[in-house]
Amino acid sequence: MATSTDHPGRAYAGVIDVQTHYVPPEARRLLHDVEVAGLSRTLEPDSPICTLDARLLAMDEAEVDVSVLSMAPIGTVPDERLRQAICRAANDGLLEACAAYPQRFVMAAALPFPDAAAAHAELLRISGEASLRAVQIVAQTTGYRPDIGFDAVFSLAADERLPILLHPAAGIADLSPAFDDYGLSSGMHAMVSHALVASRMIQSGLLDRIERLELILTHLGGILPFLIDRLDSRNTGPALYPPSHYLRTRVHVDDCGYPAGPALQLAIDTIGVERLLIGSDWPSRPIAPALDAIRNMHLGEAGERAVMGGNAARWFDPATPRRQYSSVG
């Protein structure tokens, strides 16, 4: 197990996968008969997303040291009480998994959005847990509006040194039914809706209001790196700086779903290799392609080591207590 020294982000020499999904037993039970877009009604107890043994084997085969566990990125559960119960069960199960394998797993919290007060209460409930290292927010469950209480949740996350791990909802085309056909829901809608919520957060001035808050955008931030120059030239939001400033100073992205090539190079050119992370989306995807993509980009020894784990270690190295992390950098 690789460990860090005085500066975890630079010294860490292992591999950290920041995006893997797990549905703990009680959360699985609560979800089994619920119609939730993006998640099959049948969650078998021995399926990879519901067990730990298969993921540990996959991690060992890919030579991954640490995985960040997060709940399956489901959309909004309509029933308020059930939504809260699912998130509570998910977080308790994630914590149990981390306690069972403290050198292999850390976790990102699941919060019952869009209820901001309930989300704040759930984050506060588990905020003292050592293995809690991020807050996962599914883009479709917020849309992000600064006027309905979300900032209190983000302020608590920032105070606790927890980055926001923003993920598109699986299988949901809420922007338009035109995305329903031809695989466009996953192939295009997820990337558009994901980038839209990230842009709303950035251009609303959220990162100015909460100075220690940082964002991790899965899937290269969707279409955000491609559009950043256009967003800069057309931005009318209250943010103090152009969107590109925040992308290069307060945002990280993972490489999930992108092989070595132009898209990955564009993200590196836009935000810098020091802000790129490994994200596999396991078990929806195998782990190896996320690692192979970086190896095939020929970033040099230092650049490859940084992306494989050094960049992520500032939050996700189990050997470094969360309170020792620098707030922004």
C-alpha atoms as a PDB file:
ATOM      1  CA  MET A   1       0.000   0.000   0.000  1.00  0.00           C
ATOM      2  CA  ALA A   2       1.514   3.298  -1.063  1.00  0.00           C
ATOM      3  CA  THR A   3       1.612   6.041   1.553  1.00  0.00           C
ATOM      4  CA  SER A   4       2.088   9.773   1.521  1.00  0.00           C
ATOM      5  CA  THR A   5       4.448  12.005   3.449  1.00  0.00           C
ATOM      6  CA  ASP A   6       4.284  15.729   4.145  1.00  0.00           C
ATOM      7  CA  HIS A   7       2.422  16.619   0.956  1.00  0.00           C
ATOM      8  CA  PRO A   8       0.064  13.775  -0.003  1.00  0.00           C
ATOM      9  CA  GLY A   9      -0.742  15.092  -3.463  1.00  0.00           C
ATOM     10  CA  ARG A  10       2.881  15.009  -4.583  1.00  0.00           C
ATOM     11  CA  ALA A  11       4.389  12.119  -2.656  1.00  0.00           C
ATOM     12  CA  TYR A  12       1.792   9.400  -3.221  1.00  0.00           C
ATOM     13  CA  ALA A  13       3.007   6.685  -5.586  1.00  0.00           C
ATOM     14  CA  GLY A  14       0.002   4.359  -5.738  1.00  0.00           C
ATOM     15  CA  VAL A  15      -3.157   4.235  -7.861  1.00  0.00           C
ATOM     16  CA  ILE A  16      -6.425   5.801  -6.696  1.00  0.00           C
ATOM     17  CA  ASP A  17      -9.703   5.238  -8.545  1.00  0.00           C
ATOM     18  CA  VAL A  18     -12.020   8.113  -7.609  1.00  0.00           C
ATOM     19  CA  GLN A  19     -15.181   6.759  -9.207  1.00  0.00           C
ATOM     20  CA  THR A  20     -16.556   3.341  -8.254  1.00  0.00           C
ATOM     21  CA  HIS A  21     -20.113   2.551  -7.208  1.00  0.00           C
ATOM     22  CA  TYR A  22     -21.478   0.322  -4.484  1.00  0.00           C
ATOM     23  CA  VAL A  23     -25.019  -0.403  -3.252  1.00  0.00           C
ATOM     24  CA  PRO A  24     -24.811  -1.719   0.336  1.00  0.00           C
ATOM     25  CA  PRO A  25     -27.245  -4.420   1.500  1.00  0.00           C
ATOM     26  CA  GLU A  26     -29.821  -2.251   3.282  1.00  0.00           C
ATOM     27  CA  ALA A  27     -29.828   0.324   0.481  1.00  0.00           C
ATOM     28  CA  ARG A  28     -30.299  -2.542  -1.981  1.00  0.00           C
ATOM     29  CA  ARG A  29     -33.264  -3.788   0.012  1.00  0.00           C
ATOM     30  CA  LEU A  30     -34.881  -0.348   0.048  1.00  0.00           C
ATOM     31  CA  LEU A  31     -34.318   0.119  -3.680  1.00  0.00           C
ATOM     32  CA  HIS A  32     -35.417  -3.313  -4.798  1.00  0.00           C
ATOM     33  CA  ASP A  33     -39.028  -2.451  -5.580  1.00  0.00           C
ATOM     34  CA  VAL A  34     -38.593   1.254  -6.328  1.00  0.00           C
ATOM     35  CA  GLU A  35     -38.938   2.675  -9.818  1.00  0.00           C
ATOM     36  CA  VAL A  36     -35.787   4.763 -10.065  1.00  0.00           C
ATOM     37  CA  ALA A  37     -34.424   5.807 -13.416  1.00  0.00           C
ATOM     38  CA  GLY A  38     -30.875   4.674 -13.953  1.00  0.00           C
ATOM     39  CA  LEU A  39     -31.016   1.599 -11.744  1.00  0.00           C
ATOM     40  CA  SER A  40     -32.471  -1.790 -12.471  1.00  0.00           C
ATOM     41  CA  ARG A  41     -35.282  -2.919 -10.213  1.00  0.00           C
ATOM     42  CA  THR A  42     -33.394  -6.176  -9.802  1.00  0.00           C
ATOM     43  CA  LEU A  43     -30.336  -5.748  -7.598  1.00  0.00           C
ATOM     44  CA  GLU A  44     -29.151  -9.244  -6.929  1.00  0.00           C
ATOM     45  CA  PRO A  45     -27.230  -9.632  -3.638  1.00  0.00           C
ATOM     46  CA  ASP A  46     -24.275 -11.218  -5.432  1.00  0.00           C
ATOM     47  CA  SER A  47     -24.094  -8.727  -8.310  1.00  0.00           C
ATOM     48  CA  PRO A  48     -20.793  -6.785  -8.575  1.00  0.00           C
ATOM     49  CA  ILE A  49     -22.372  -3.485  -7.540  1.00  0.00           C
ATOM     50  CA  CYS A  50     -23.710  -5.060  -4.346  1.00  0.00           C
ATOM     51  CA  THR A  51     -20.613  -6.936  -3.170  1.00  0.00           C
ATOM     52  CA  LEU A  52     -17.053  -6.164  -2.123  1.00  0.00           C
ATOM     53  CA  ASP A  53     -15.199  -9.346  -3.100  1.00  0.00           C
ATOM     54  CA  ALA A  54     -15.524  -8.832  -6.851  1.00  0.00           C
ATOM     55  CA  ARG A  55     -14.302  -5.231  -6.663  1.00  0.00           C
ATOM     56  CA  LEU A  56     -11.322  -6.164  -4.501  1.00  0.00           C
ATOM     57  CA  LEU A  57     -10.371  -8.785  -7.064  1.00  0.00           C
ATOM     58  CA  ALA A  58     -10.784  -6.266  -9.890  1.00  0.00           C
ATOM     59  CA  MET A  59      -8.676  -3.737  -7.985  1.00  0.00           C
ATOM     60  CA  ASP A  60      -5.927  -6.277  -7.437  1.00  0.00           C
ATOM     61  CA  GLU A  61      -5.933  -7.300 -11.088  1.00  0.00           C
ATOM     62  CA  ALA A  62      -5.648  -3.672 -12.198  1.00  0.00           C
ATOM     63  CA  GLU A  63      -3.141  -2.870  -9.422  1.00  0.00           C
ATOM     64  CA  VAL A  64      -5.363  -0.188  -7.887  1.00  0.00           C
ATOM     65  CA  ASP A  65      -4.448   0.662  -4.300  1.00  0.00           C
ATOM     66  CA  VAL A  66      -7.533   2.641  -3.235  1.00  0.00           C
ATOM     67  CA  SER A  67     -11.073   2.971  -4.533  1.00  0.00           C
ATOM     68  CA  VAL A  68     -13.469   5.752  -3.619  1.00  0.00           C
ATOM     69  CA  LEU A  69     -16.841   4.106  -3.012  1.00  0.00           C
ATOM     70  CA  SER A  70     -20.004   6.011  -3.835  1.00  0.00           C
ATOM     71  CA  MET A  71     -23.647   5.066  -4.115  1.00  0.00           C
ATOM     72  CA  ALA A  72     -25.015   4.204  -7.554  1.00  0.00           C
ATOM     73  CA  PRO A  73     -25.772   7.572  -9.268  1.00  0.00           C
ATOM     74  CA  ILE A  74     -29.545   7.252  -9.281  1.00  0.00           C
ATOM     75  CA  GLY A  75     -32.018  10.026  -9.949  1.00  0.00           C
ATOM     76  CA  THR A  76     -34.443  11.511  -7.460  1.00  0.00           C
ATOM     77  CA  VAL A  77     -36.556   9.081  -5.429  1.00  0.00           C
ATOM     78  CA  PRO A  78     -39.983  10.780  -5.257  1.00  0.00           C
ATOM     79  CA  ASP A  79     -40.916   9.610  -1.766  1.00  0.00           C
ATOM     80  CA  GLU A  80     -39.168  11.950   0.672  1.00  0.00           C
ATOM     81  CA  ARG A  81     -38.932   9.536   3.600  1.00  0.00           C
ATOM     82  CA  LEU A  82     -37.728   6.704   1.417  1.00  0.00           C
ATOM     83  CA  ARG A  83     -35.159   8.979  -0.229  1.00  0.00           C
ATOM     84  CA  GLN A  84     -33.728   9.884   3.160  1.00  0.00           C
ATOM     85  CA  ALA A  85     -33.758   6.254   4.311  1.00  0.00           C
ATOM     86  CA  ILE A  86     -31.911   5.113   1.174  1.00  0.00           C
ATOM     87  CA  CYS A  87     -29.179   7.720   1.623  1.00  0.00           C
ATOM     88  CA  ARG A  88     -28.794   6.909   5.303  1.00  0.00           C
ATOM     89  CA  ALA A  89     -28.554   3.192   4.555  1.00  0.00           C
ATOM     90  CA  ALA A  90     -26.123   3.824   1.715  1.00  0.00           C
ATOM     91  CA  ASN A  91     -23.839   5.924   3.892  1.00  0.00           C
ATOM     92  CA  ASP A  92     -23.907   3.478   6.775  1.00  0.00           C
ATOM     93  CA  GLY A  93     -23.079   0.637   4.386  1.00  0.00           C
ATOM     94  CA  LEU A  94     -20.287   2.606   2.729  1.00  0.00           C
ATOM     95  CA  LEU A  95     -18.792   3.342   6.130  1.00  0.00           C
ATOM     96  CA  GLU A  96     -18.980  -0.345   7.048  1.00  0.00           C
ATOM     97  CA  ALA A  97     -17.145  -1.288   3.837  1.00  0.00           C
ATOM     98  CA  CYS A  98     -14.427   1.241   4.579  1.00  0.00           C
ATOM     99  CA  ALA A  99     -14.100  -0.028   8.141  1.00  0.00           C
ATOM    100  CA  ALA A 100     -13.706  -3.595   6.866  1.00  0.00           C
ATOM    101  CA  TYR A 101     -10.965  -2.585   4.383  1.00  0.00           C
ATOM    102  CA  PRO A 102      -9.528   0.688   5.699  1.00  0.00           C
ATOM    103  CA  GLN A 103      -6.479   0.652   3.433  1.00  0.00           C
ATOM    104  CA  ARG A 104      -8.453  -0.057   0.268  1.00  0.00           C
ATOM    105  CA  PHE A 105     -11.633   2.037   0.487  1.00  0.00           C
ATOM    106  CA  VAL A 106     -12.692   5.561   1.316  1.00  0.00           C
ATOM    107  CA  MET A 107     -16.161   6.936   0.600  1.00  0.00           C
ATOM    108  CA  ALA A 108     -18.209   9.741  -0.907  1.00  0.00           C
ATOM    109  CA  ALA A 109     -21.463  10.561   0.879  1.00  0.00           C
ATOM    110  CA  ALA A 110     -24.900  10.120  -0.677  1.00  0.00           C
ATOM    111  CA  LEU A 111     -27.285  12.974   0.169  1.00  0.00           C
ATOM    112  CA  PRO A 112     -31.091  13.136  -0.230  1.00  0.00           C
ATOM    113  CA  PHE A 113     -31.273  15.998  -2.715  1.00  0.00           C
ATOM    114  CA  PRO A 114     -33.212  18.024  -3.752  1.00  0.00           C
ATOM    115  CA  ASP A 115     -34.180  18.489  -0.086  1.00  0.00           C
ATOM    116  CA  ALA A 116     -31.358  20.795   1.002  1.00  0.00           C
ATOM    117  CA  ALA A 117     -32.230  20.680   4.716  1.00  0.00           C
ATOM    118  CA  ALA A 118     -32.308  16.876   4.763  1.00  0.00           C
ATOM    119  CA  ALA A 119     -29.066  16.756   2.781  1.00  0.00           C
ATOM    120  CA  HIS A 120     -27.378  19.061   5.281  1.00  0.00           C
ATOM    121  CA  ALA A 121     -28.617  16.967   8.199  1.00  0.00           C
ATOM    122  CA  GLU A 122     -27.357  13.727   6.652  1.00  0.00           C
ATOM    123  CA  LEU A 123     -23.933  15.178   5.907  1.00  0.00           C
ATOM    124  CA  LEU A 124     -23.702  16.571   9.426  1.00  0.00           C
ATOM    125  CA  ARG A 125     -24.608  13.132  10.832  1.00  0.00           C
ATOM    126  CA  ILE A 126     -21.571  11.449   9.272  1.00  0.00           C
ATOM    127  CA  SER A 127     -19.190  14.400   9.010  1.00  0.00           C
ATOM    128  CA  GLY A 128     -16.883  13.123  11.734  1.00  0.00           C
ATOM    129  CA  GLU A 129     -16.186   9.779  10.029  1.00  0.00           C
ATOM    130  CA  ALA A 130     -12.526   9.395   9.038  1.00  0.00           C
ATOM    131  CA  SER A 131     -13.260   7.437   5.850  1.00  0.00           C
ATOM    132  CA  LEU A 132     -15.645  10.121   4.547  1.00  0.00           C
ATOM    133  CA  ARG A 133     -13.597  11.953   1.909  1.00  0.00           C
ATOM    134  CA  ALA A 134     -16.073  13.530  -0.554  1.00  0.00           C
ATOM    135  CA  VAL A 135     -19.736  14.270  -1.212  1.00  0.00           C
ATOM    136  CA  GLN A 136     -21.279  12.746  -4.318  1.00  0.00           C
ATOM    137  CA  ILE A 137     -23.957  14.864  -5.953  1.00  0.00           C
ATOM    138  CA  VAL A 138     -25.955  13.501  -8.873  1.00  0.00           C
ATOM    139  CA  ALA A 139     -26.460  16.408 -11.266  1.00  0.00           C
ATOM    140  CA  GLN A 140     -30.091  15.598 -12.076  1.00  0.00           C
ATOM    141  CA  THR A 141     -31.116  15.769  -8.401  1.00  0.00           C
ATOM    142  CA  THR A 142     -30.116  19.421  -7.988  1.00  0.00           C
ATOM    143  CA  GLY A 143     -29.997  21.379 -11.249  1.00  0.00           C
ATOM    144  CA  TYR A 144     -28.218  23.760  -8.872  1.00  0.00           C
ATOM    145  CA  ARG A 145     -29.999  26.901  -7.811  1.00  0.00           C
ATOM    146  CA  PRO A 146     -28.240  29.123  -5.270  1.00  0.00           C
ATOM    147  CA  ASP A 147     -31.513  30.370  -3.791  1.00  0.00           C
ATOM    148  CA  ILE A 148     -32.953  27.155  -2.324  1.00  0.00           C
ATOM    149  CA  GLY A 149     -30.497  26.237   0.385  1.00  0.00           C
ATOM    150  CA  PHE A 150     -27.816  24.177  -1.348  1.00  0.00           C
ATOM    151  CA  ASP A 151     -25.040  26.570  -0.323  1.00  0.00           C
ATOM    152  CA  ALA A 152     -25.384  25.535   3.328  1.00  0.00           C
ATOM    153  CA  VAL A 153     -24.582  21.953   2.303  1.00  0.00           C
ATOM    154  CA  PHE A 154     -21.617  23.065   0.212  1.00  0.00           C
ATOM    155  CA  SER A 155     -20.331  25.277   3.035  1.00  0.00           C
ATOM    156  CA  LEU A 156     -20.410  22.308   5.411  1.00  0.00           C
ATOM    157  CA  ALA A 157     -18.575  20.186   2.846  1.00  0.00           C
ATOM    158  CA  ALA A 158     -15.901  22.853   2.424  1.00  0.00           C
ATOM    159  CA  ASP A 159     -15.503  23.234   6.193  1.00  0.00           C
ATOM    160  CA  GLU A 160     -14.993  19.463   6.423  1.00  0.00           C
ATOM    161  CA  ARG A 161     -12.431  19.447   3.560  1.00  0.00           C
ATOM    162  CA  LEU A 162     -14.791  17.399   1.388  1.00  0.00           C
ATOM    163  CA  PRO A 163     -14.757  18.019  -2.369  1.00  0.00           C
ATOM    164  CA  ILE A 164     -17.996  17.759  -4.322  1.00  0.00           C
ATOM    165  CA  LEU A 165     -17.916  14.753  -6.644  1.00  0.00           C
ATOM    166  CA  LEU A 166     -20.395  15.660  -9.381  1.00  0.00           C
ATOM    167  CA  HIS A 167     -21.788  12.763 -11.420  1.00  0.00           C
ATOM    168  CA  PRO A 168     -24.458  12.634 -14.138  1.00  0.00           C
ATOM    169  CA  ALA A 169     -27.530  10.562 -13.420  1.00  0.00           C
ATOM    170  CA  ALA A 170     -27.604   7.213 -15.182  1.00  0.00           C
ATOM    171  CA  GLY A 171     -30.307   6.638 -17.777  1.00  0.00           C
ATOM    172  CA  ILE A 172     -32.128   9.941 -17.309  1.00  0.00           C
ATOM    173  CA  ALA A 173     -32.937  12.348 -20.141  1.00  0.00           C
ATOM    174  CA  ASP A 174     -34.712  15.048 -18.169  1.00  0.00           C
ATOM    175  CA  LEU A 175     -33.590  17.934 -20.398  1.00  0.00           C
ATOM    176  CA  SER A 176     -35.545  16.715 -23.411  1.00  0.00           C
ATOM    177  CA  PRO A 177     -37.183  13.520 -24.709  1.00  0.00           C
ATOM    178  CA  ALA A 178     -35.122  14.041 -27.870  1.00  0.00           C
ATOM    179  CA  PHE A 179     -32.272  12.354 -25.977  1.00  0.00           C
ATOM    180  CA  ASP A 180     -34.289   9.173 -25.383  1.00  0.00           C
ATOM    181  CA  ASP A 181     -33.378   7.383 -28.629  1.00  0.00           C
ATOM    182  CA  TYR A 182     -30.249   5.917 -30.222  1.00  0.00           C
ATOM    183  CA  GLY A 183     -28.202   5.723 -27.033  1.00  0.00           C
ATOM    184  CA  LEU A 184     -28.154   9.518 -26.725  1.00  0.00           C
ATOM    185  CA  SER A 185     -29.274   9.441 -23.100  1.00  0.00           C
ATOM    186  CA  SER A 186     -25.903   8.052 -22.002  1.00  0.00           C
ATOM    187  CA  GLY A 187     -23.836   9.104 -24.989  1.00  0.00           C
ATOM    188  CA  MET A 188     -24.815  12.788 -25.034  1.00  0.00           C
ATOM    189  CA  HIS A 189     -27.442  13.806 -22.468  1.00  0.00           C
ATOM    190  CA  ALA A 190     -25.407  12.688 -19.464  1.00  0.00           C
ATOM    191  CA  MET A 191     -22.465  14.797 -20.610  1.00  0.00           C
ATOM    192  CA  VAL A 192     -24.618  17.854 -21.377  1.00  0.00           C
ATOM    193  CA  SER A 193     -26.645  17.798 -18.136  1.00  0.00           C
ATOM    194  CA  HIS A 194     -23.503  17.149 -16.098  1.00  0.00           C
ATOM    195  CA  ALA A 195     -21.655  20.103 -17.620  1.00  0.00           C
ATOM    196  CA  LEU A 196     -24.755  22.286 -17.286  1.00  0.00           C
ATOM    197  CA  VAL A 197     -24.958  21.812 -13.527  1.00  0.00           C
ATOM    198  CA  ALA A 198     -21.195  22.319 -13.143  1.00  0.00           C
ATOM    199  CA  SER A 199     -21.433  25.543 -15.159  1.00  0.00           C
ATOM    200  CA  ARG A 200     -24.338  26.797 -13.071  1.00  0.00           C
ATOM    201  CA  MET A 201     -22.335  26.180  -9.912  1.00  0.00           C
ATOM    202  CA  ILE A 202     -19.247  27.922 -11.274  1.00  0.00           C
ATOM    203  CA  GLN A 203     -20.919  30.877 -13.003  1.00  0.00           C
ATOM    204  CA  SER A 204     -23.294  31.576 -10.111  1.00  0.00           C
ATOM    205  CA  GLY A 205     -20.340  32.632  -7.970  1.00  0.00           C
ATOM    206  CA  LEU A 206     -20.584  29.577  -5.689  1.00  0.00           C
ATOM    207  CA  LEU A 207     -16.818  29.151  -5.627  1.00  0.00           C
ATOM    208  CA  ASP A 208     -16.394  32.797  -4.652  1.00  0.00           C
ATOM    209  CA  ARG A 209     -18.958  32.569  -1.865  1.00  0.00           C
ATOM    210  CA  ILE A 210     -17.408  29.357  -0.511  1.00  0.00           C
ATOM    211  CA  GLU A 211     -13.690  29.875  -0.947  1.00  0.00           C
ATOM    212  CA  ARG A 212     -12.534  26.425   0.152  1.00  0.00           C
ATOM    213  CA  LEU A 213     -14.996  24.428  -1.942  1.00  0.00           C
ATOM    214  CA  GLU A 214     -13.571  22.256  -4.711  1.00  0.00           C
ATOM    215  CA  LEU A 215     -15.283  20.265  -7.448  1.00  0.00           C
ATOM    216  CA  ILE A 216     -14.409  16.905  -8.971  1.00  0.00           C
ATOM    217  CA  LEU A 217     -16.256  16.377 -12.237  1.00  0.00           C
ATOM    218  CA  THR A 218     -16.537  12.814 -13.500  1.00  0.00           C
ATOM    219  CA  HIS A 219     -16.292  11.878 -17.184  1.00  0.00           C
ATOM    220  CA  LEU A 220     -13.886  14.751 -18.029  1.00  0.00           C
ATOM    221  CA  GLY A 221     -16.519  17.257 -16.969  1.00  0.00           C
ATOM    222  CA  GLY A 222     -18.778  16.308 -19.861  1.00  0.00           C
ATOM    223  CA  ILE A 223     -18.617  18.979 -22.566  1.00  0.00           C
ATOM    224  CA  LEU A 224     -17.200  21.648 -20.247  1.00  0.00           C
ATOM    225  CA  PRO A 225     -13.533  21.607 -21.396  1.00  0.00           C
ATOM    226  CA  PHE A 226     -14.646  21.802 -25.044  1.00  0.00           C
ATOM    227  CA  LEU A 227     -16.902  24.820 -24.427  1.00  0.00           C
ATOM    228  CA  ILE A 228     -14.876  26.733 -21.857  1.00  0.00           C
ATOM    229  CA  ASP A 229     -13.650  29.475 -24.211  1.00  0.00           C
ATOM    230  CA  ARG A 230     -17.183  30.075 -25.428  1.00  0.00           C
ATOM    231  CA  LEU A 231     -18.479  30.191 -21.859  1.00  0.00           C
ATOM    232  CA  ASP A 232     -15.791  32.732 -20.990  1.00  0.00           C
ATOM    233  CA  SER A 233     -16.843  35.041 -23.819  1.00  0.00           C
ATOM    234  CA  ARG A 234     -20.567  34.833 -23.039  1.00  0.00           C
ATOM    235  CA  ASN A 235     -20.601  34.632 -19.258  1.00  0.00           C
ATOM    236  CA  THR A 236     -23.030  37.042 -17.582  1.00  0.00           C
ATOM    237  CA  GLY A 237     -23.001  35.448 -14.125  1.00  0.00           C
ATOM    238  CA  PRO A 238     -21.913  37.112 -10.899  1.00  0.00           C
ATOM    239  CA  ALA A 239     -18.713  35.052 -10.561  1.00  0.00           C
ATOM    240  CA  LEU A 240     -15.638  37.216 -10.032  1.00  0.00           C
ATOM    241  CA  TYR A 241     -13.590  35.533 -12.768  1.00  0.00           C
ATOM    242  CA  PRO A 242     -14.207  33.851 -16.131  1.00  0.00           C
ATOM    243  CA  PRO A 243     -15.305  30.198 -15.910  1.00  0.00           C
ATOM    244  CA  SER A 244     -11.910  29.024 -17.183  1.00  0.00           C
ATOM    245  CA  HIS A 245     -10.245  30.488 -14.085  1.00  0.00           C
ATOM    246  CA  TYR A 246     -12.207  28.166 -11.800  1.00  0.00           C
ATOM    247  CA  LEU A 247     -11.698  25.216 -14.113  1.00  0.00           C
ATOM    248  CA  ARG A 248      -7.933  25.667 -13.720  1.00  0.00           C
ATOM    249  CA  THR A 249      -7.887  26.418  -9.999  1.00  0.00           C
ATOM    250  CA  ARG A 250     -10.869  24.803  -8.236  1.00  0.00           C
ATOM    251  CA  VAL A 251     -11.901  21.878 -10.436  1.00  0.00           C
ATOM    252  CA  HIS A 252     -10.523  18.390 -11.070  1.00  0.00           C
ATOM    253  CA  VAL A 253     -11.865  15.887 -13.614  1.00  0.00           C
ATOM    254  CA  ASP A 254     -11.606  12.124 -13.948  1.00  0.00           C
ATOM    255  CA  ASP A 255     -10.889  10.294 -17.199  1.00  0.00           C
ATOM    256  CA  CYS A 256     -13.816   7.873 -17.090  1.00  0.00           C
ATOM    257  CA  GLY A 257     -14.972   6.707 -20.518  1.00  0.00           C
ATOM    258  CA  TYR A 258     -12.280   8.437 -22.560  1.00  0.00           C
ATOM    259  CA  PRO A 259      -9.423   6.563 -24.238  1.00  0.00           C
ATOM    260  CA  ALA A 260      -6.107   8.173 -25.077  1.00  0.00           C
ATOM    261  CA  GLY A 261      -6.702  10.687 -27.831  1.00  0.00           C
ATOM    262  CA  PRO A 262      -7.983  14.173 -28.678  1.00  0.00           C
ATOM    263  CA  ALA A 263     -10.657  14.483 -25.964  1.00  0.00           C
ATOM    264  CA  LEU A 264      -8.265  13.529 -23.198  1.00  0.00           C
ATOM    265  CA  GLN A 265      -5.581  15.813 -24.620  1.00  0.00           C
ATOM    266  CA  LEU A 266      -8.082  18.686 -24.772  1.00  0.00           C
ATOM    267  CA  ALA A 267      -8.897  18.240 -21.087  1.00  0.00           C
ATOM    268  CA  ILE A 268      -5.196  18.186 -20.194  1.00  0.00           C
ATOM    269  CA  ASP A 269      -4.532  21.294 -22.286  1.00  0.00           C
ATOM    270  CA  THR A 270      -7.509  23.062 -20.714  1.00  0.00           C
ATOM    271  CA  ILE A 271      -7.045  22.333 -17.007  1.00  0.00           C
ATOM    272  CA  GLY A 272      -3.553  20.846 -16.682  1.00  0.00           C
ATOM    273  CA  VAL A 273      -2.296  17.356 -15.973  1.00  0.00           C
ATOM    274  CA  GLU A 274      -2.232  18.180 -12.243  1.00  0.00           C
ATOM    275  CA  ARG A 275      -6.059  18.282 -12.256  1.00  0.00           C
ATOM    276  CA  LEU A 276      -6.704  14.977 -13.976  1.00  0.00           C
ATOM    277  CA  LEU A 277      -7.702  11.889 -11.955  1.00  0.00           C
ATOM    278  CA  ILE A 278      -8.390   8.211 -12.580  1.00  0.00           C
ATOM    279  CA  GLY A 279     -12.071   7.235 -12.622  1.00  0.00           C
ATOM    280  CA  SER A 280     -13.241   3.819 -13.803  1.00  0.00           C
ATOM    281  CA  ASP A 281     -17.010   3.817 -13.027  1.00  0.00           C
ATOM    282  CA  TRP A 282     -16.615   0.220 -11.860  1.00  0.00           C
ATOM    283  CA  PRO A 283     -18.608  -2.067 -12.097  1.00  0.00           C
ATOM    284  CA  SER A 284     -20.396  -0.356 -14.997  1.00  0.00           C
ATOM    285  CA  ARG A 285     -17.043  -0.323 -16.775  1.00  0.00           C
ATOM    286  CA  PRO A 286     -13.835  -2.305 -16.274  1.00  0.00           C
ATOM    287  CA  ILE A 287     -10.996  -0.582 -14.440  1.00  0.00           C
ATOM    288  CA  ALA A 288      -8.135  -1.201 -16.878  1.00  0.00           C
ATOM    289  CA  PRO A 289      -9.230   1.200 -19.677  1.00  0.00           C
ATOM    290  CA  ALA A 290      -9.073   4.201 -17.331  1.00  0.00           C
ATOM    291  CA  LEU A 291      -5.476   3.354 -16.459  1.00  0.00           C
ATOM    292  CA  ASP A 292      -4.459   2.373 -19.991  1.00  0.00           C
ATOM    293  CA  ALA A 293      -5.737   5.695 -21.328  1.00  0.00           C
ATOM    294  CA  ILE A 294      -3.269   7.580 -19.140  1.00  0.00           C
ATOM    295  CA  ARG A 295      -0.377   5.254 -19.905  1.00  0.00           C
ATOM    296  CA  ASN A 296      -0.995   5.745 -23.625  1.00  0.00           C
ATOM    297  CA  MET A 297      -0.932   9.553 -23.360  1.00  0.00           C
ATOM    298  CA  HIS A 298       2.847   9.512 -22.758  1.00  0.00           C
ATOM    299  CA  LEU A 299       2.738  12.106 -20.000  1.00  0.00           C
ATOM    300  CA  GLY A 300       6.168  11.227 -18.668  1.00  0.00           C
ATOM    301  CA  GLU A 301       6.928   9.493 -15.385  1.00  0.00           C
ATOM    302  CA  ALA A 302       5.989  12.416 -13.135  1.00  0.00           C
ATOM    303  CA  GLY A 303       2.816  13.268 -15.043  1.00  0.00           C
ATOM    304  CA  GLU A 304       1.627   9.674 -15.151  1.00  0.00           C
ATOM    305  CA  ARG A 305       2.297   9.155 -11.455  1.00  0.00           C
ATOM    306  CA  ALA A 306       0.379  12.332 -10.635  1.00  0.00           C
ATOM    307  CA  VAL A 307      -2.720  11.285 -12.595  1.00  0.00           C
ATOM    308  CA  MET A 308      -2.626   7.693 -11.365  1.00  0.00           C
ATOM    309  CA  GLY A 309      -2.819   8.713  -7.733  1.00  0.00           C
ATOM    310  CA  GLY A 310      -0.774  11.717  -6.694  1.00  0.00           C
ATOM    311  CA  ASN A 311      -3.397  14.279  -7.665  1.00  0.00           C
ATOM    312  CA  ALA A 312      -6.172  12.398  -5.863  1.00  0.00           C
ATOM    313  CA  ALA A 313      -4.159  11.599  -2.729  1.00  0.00           C
ATOM    314  CA  ARG A 314      -4.708  15.056  -1.290  1.00  0.00           C
ATOM    315  CA  TRP A 315      -8.234  13.850  -0.476  1.00  0.00           C
ATOM    316  CA  PHE A 316      -8.308  10.089  -0.833  1.00  0.00           C
ATOM    317  CA  ASP A 317      -5.135   8.625   0.683  1.00  0.00           C
ATOM    318  CA  PRO A 318      -6.434   6.615   3.679  1.00  0.00           C
ATOM    319  CA  ALA A 319      -3.120   7.143   5.475  1.00  0.00           C
ATOM    320  CA  THR A 320      -3.614  10.915   5.616  1.00  0.00           C
ATOM    321  CA  PRO A 321      -6.281  12.227   8.024  1.00  0.00           C
ATOM    322  CA  ARG A 322      -8.761  14.480   6.263  1.00  0.00           C
ATOM    323  CA  ARG A 323      -8.053  17.421   8.547  1.00  0.00           C
ATOM    324  CA  GLN A 324      -4.455  17.543   7.335  1.00  0.00           C
ATOM    325  CA  TYR A 325      -5.446  18.322   3.773  1.00  0.00           C
ATOM    326  CA  SER A 326      -4.819  21.736   2.334  1.00  0.00           C
ATOM    327  CA  SER A 327      -8.086  23.486   1.497  1.00  0.00           C
ATOM    328  CA  VAL A 328      -7.385  24.560  -2.096  1.00  0.00           C
ATOM    329  CA  GLY A 329      -4.490  23.838  -4.394  1.00  0.00           C
END
